[in-house]
Structure formats: structure tokens, C-alpha cells
C-alpha atoms as a PDB file:
ATOM      1  CA  MET A   1    -131.907 103.843  18.555  1.00  0.00           C
ATOM      2  CA  GLN A   2    -131.048 100.200  18.959  1.00  0.00           C
ATOM      3  CA  SER A   3    -132.838  98.143  21.605  1.00  0.00           C
ATOM      4  CA  LYS A   4    -131.087  96.739  24.643  1.00  0.00           C
ATOM      5  CA  ARG A   5    -130.010  93.157  24.274  1.00  0.00           C
ATOM      6  CA  TRP A   6    -132.909  90.654  24.640  1.00  0.00           C
ATOM      7  CA  THR A   7    -135.544  93.413  24.358  1.00  0.00           C
ATOM      8  CA  LEU A   8    -137.133  95.163  21.391  1.00  0.00           C
ATOM      9  CA  ASN A   9    -138.282  98.738  21.158  1.00  0.00           C
ATOM     10  CA  LYS A  10    -141.272  99.854  19.104  1.00  0.00           C
ATOM     11  CA  LYS A  11    -139.160 100.523  16.001  1.00  0.00           C
ATOM     12  CA  ASP A  12    -137.695  97.003  16.106  1.00  0.00           C
ATOM     13  CA  TRP A  13    -141.160  95.446  16.553  1.00  0.00           C
ATOM     14  CA  ILE A  14    -142.371  97.353  13.483  1.00  0.00           C
ATOM     15  CA  LYS A  15    -139.371  96.131  11.445  1.00  0.00           C
ATOM     16  CA  TRP A  16    -140.017  92.568  12.594  1.00  0.00           C
ATOM     17  CA  GLY A  17    -143.716  92.892  11.699  1.00  0.00           C
ATOM     18  CA  LYS A  18    -142.806  94.030   8.195  1.00  0.00           C
ATOM     19  CA  ASN A  19    -140.487  91.041   7.828  1.00  0.00           C
ATOM     20  CA  VAL A  20    -143.348  88.774   8.918  1.00  0.00           C
ATOM     21  CA  LEU A  21    -145.539  90.181   6.167  1.00  0.00           C
ATOM     22  CA  MET A  22    -142.847  90.037   3.495  1.00  0.00           C
ATOM     23  CA  PHE A  23    -141.480  86.553   4.164  1.00  0.00           C
ATOM     24  CA  THR A  24    -144.020  84.518   6.113  1.00  0.00           C
ATOM     25  CA  ALA A  25    -147.256  85.572   4.412  1.00  0.00           C
ATOM     26  CA  PRO A  26    -146.253  84.267   0.942  1.00  0.00           C
ATOM     27  CA  ALA A  27    -145.184  80.915   2.403  1.00  0.00           C
ATOM     28  CA  LEU A  28    -148.456  80.606   4.289  1.00  0.00           C
ATOM     29  CA  ALA A  29    -150.381  81.531   1.142  1.00  0.00           C
ATOM     30  CA  ILE A  30    -148.678  78.645  -0.657  1.00  0.00           C
ATOM     31  CA  PHE A  31    -149.444  76.399   2.323  1.00  0.00           C
ATOM     32  CA  PHE A  32    -153.166  77.188   2.158  1.00  0.00           C
ATOM     33  CA  TYR A  33    -153.132  76.852  -1.632  1.00  0.00           C
ATOM     34  CA  GLN A  34    -151.672  73.371  -1.291  1.00  0.00           C
ATOM     35  CA  LEU A  35    -154.399  72.438   1.177  1.00  0.00           C
ATOM     36  CA  SER A  36    -157.071  73.744  -1.181  1.00  0.00           C
ATOM     37  CA  GLN A  37    -155.634  71.590  -3.980  1.00  0.00           C
ATOM     38  CA  GLY A  38    -155.968  68.446  -1.886  1.00  0.00           C
ATOM     39  CA  VAL A  39    -152.406  68.015  -0.629  1.00  0.00           C
ATOM     40  CA  GLU A  40    -152.341  66.094   2.656  1.00  0.00           C
ATOM     41  CA  LEU A  41    -151.858  68.196   5.772  1.00  0.00           C
ATOM     42  CA  LYS A  42    -148.797  66.164   6.786  1.00  0.00           C
ATOM     43  CA  LYS A  43    -147.066  67.054   3.519  1.00  0.00           C
ATOM     44  CA  ALA A  44    -148.126  70.700   3.428  1.00  0.00           C
ATOM     45  CA  LEU A  45    -147.341  71.296   7.095  1.00  0.00           C
ATOM     46  CA  TRP A  46    -143.599  71.318   6.411  1.00  0.00           C
ATOM     47  CA  LEU A  47    -143.974  74.566   4.498  1.00  0.00           C
ATOM     48  CA  ALA A  48    -145.761  76.195   7.447  1.00  0.00           C
ATOM     49  CA  ILE A  49    -143.080  74.901   9.823  1.00  0.00           C
ATOM     50  CA  PHE A  50    -140.376  76.336   7.563  1.00  0.00           C
ATOM     51  CA  ALA A  51    -142.142  79.729   7.583  1.00  0.00           C
ATOM     52  CA  LEU A  52    -142.409  79.627  11.381  1.00  0.00           C
ATOM     53  CA  TYR A  53    -138.738  78.722  11.680  1.00  0.00           C
ATOM     54  CA  GLY A  54    -137.757  81.754   9.591  1.00  0.00           C
ATOM     55  CA  LEU A  55    -140.012  83.987  11.649  1.00  0.00           C
ATOM     56  CA  LEU A  56    -138.513  82.807  14.950  1.00  0.00           C
ATOM     57  CA  ALA A  57    -134.943  82.966  13.604  1.00  0.00           C
ATOM     58  CA  ASP A  58    -135.479  86.600  12.611  1.00  0.00           C
ATOM     59  CA  LEU A  59    -136.982  87.418  16.016  1.00  0.00           C
ATOM     60  CA  PHE A  60    -134.059  85.865  17.922  1.00  0.00           C
ATOM     61  CA  LYS A  61    -131.580  87.589  15.630  1.00  0.00           C
ATOM     62  CA  LYS A  62    -133.159  90.940  16.441  1.00  0.00           C
ATOM     63  CA  LEU A  63    -133.327  90.142  20.165  1.00  0.00           C
ATOM     64  CA  SER A  64    -129.670  89.130  20.383  1.00  0.00           C
ATOM     65  CA  ALA A  65    -128.387  92.058  18.294  1.00  0.00           C
ATOM     66  CA  GLY A  66    -128.986  94.702  20.966  1.00  0.00           C
ATOM     67  CA  LYS A  67    -126.372  96.633  22.879  1.00  0.00           C
END
């Protein structure tokens, strides 16, 4: 069952959580790897911002796709 527009039901939250793990976690792993290798925070932060952007874009897509 699809959620109402601008709300998410439990099934949609679970799907979104899986997307977070599949797409954001690898980017954040690379971000922390860069930090551990001595890359400046200002340079590495763009990767974390990109991951956050993708996460929020997916959330808004799911929110706006309801009935």
C-alpha cells in the first residue's frame, strides 16, 4: 500500500532505510577513509555533502510520490 502524499508508512520507511545503507554508507566510508589518510576536512566534506544530498533527494522523492 502506497503512503499518502507527504507521509510515509512503515514499509516506505524501511525501503528508505535500506537505500540509506546501500548508497550513503559507502560514500561515508570513503569520506572517513579520506580523513584517515590526511585529506583536509574542507576537501573531504564535499563527499559527505553529496551523500547527504542523495539521501534527502530520495526522501523527498518518496514523500512526494504518494497518492
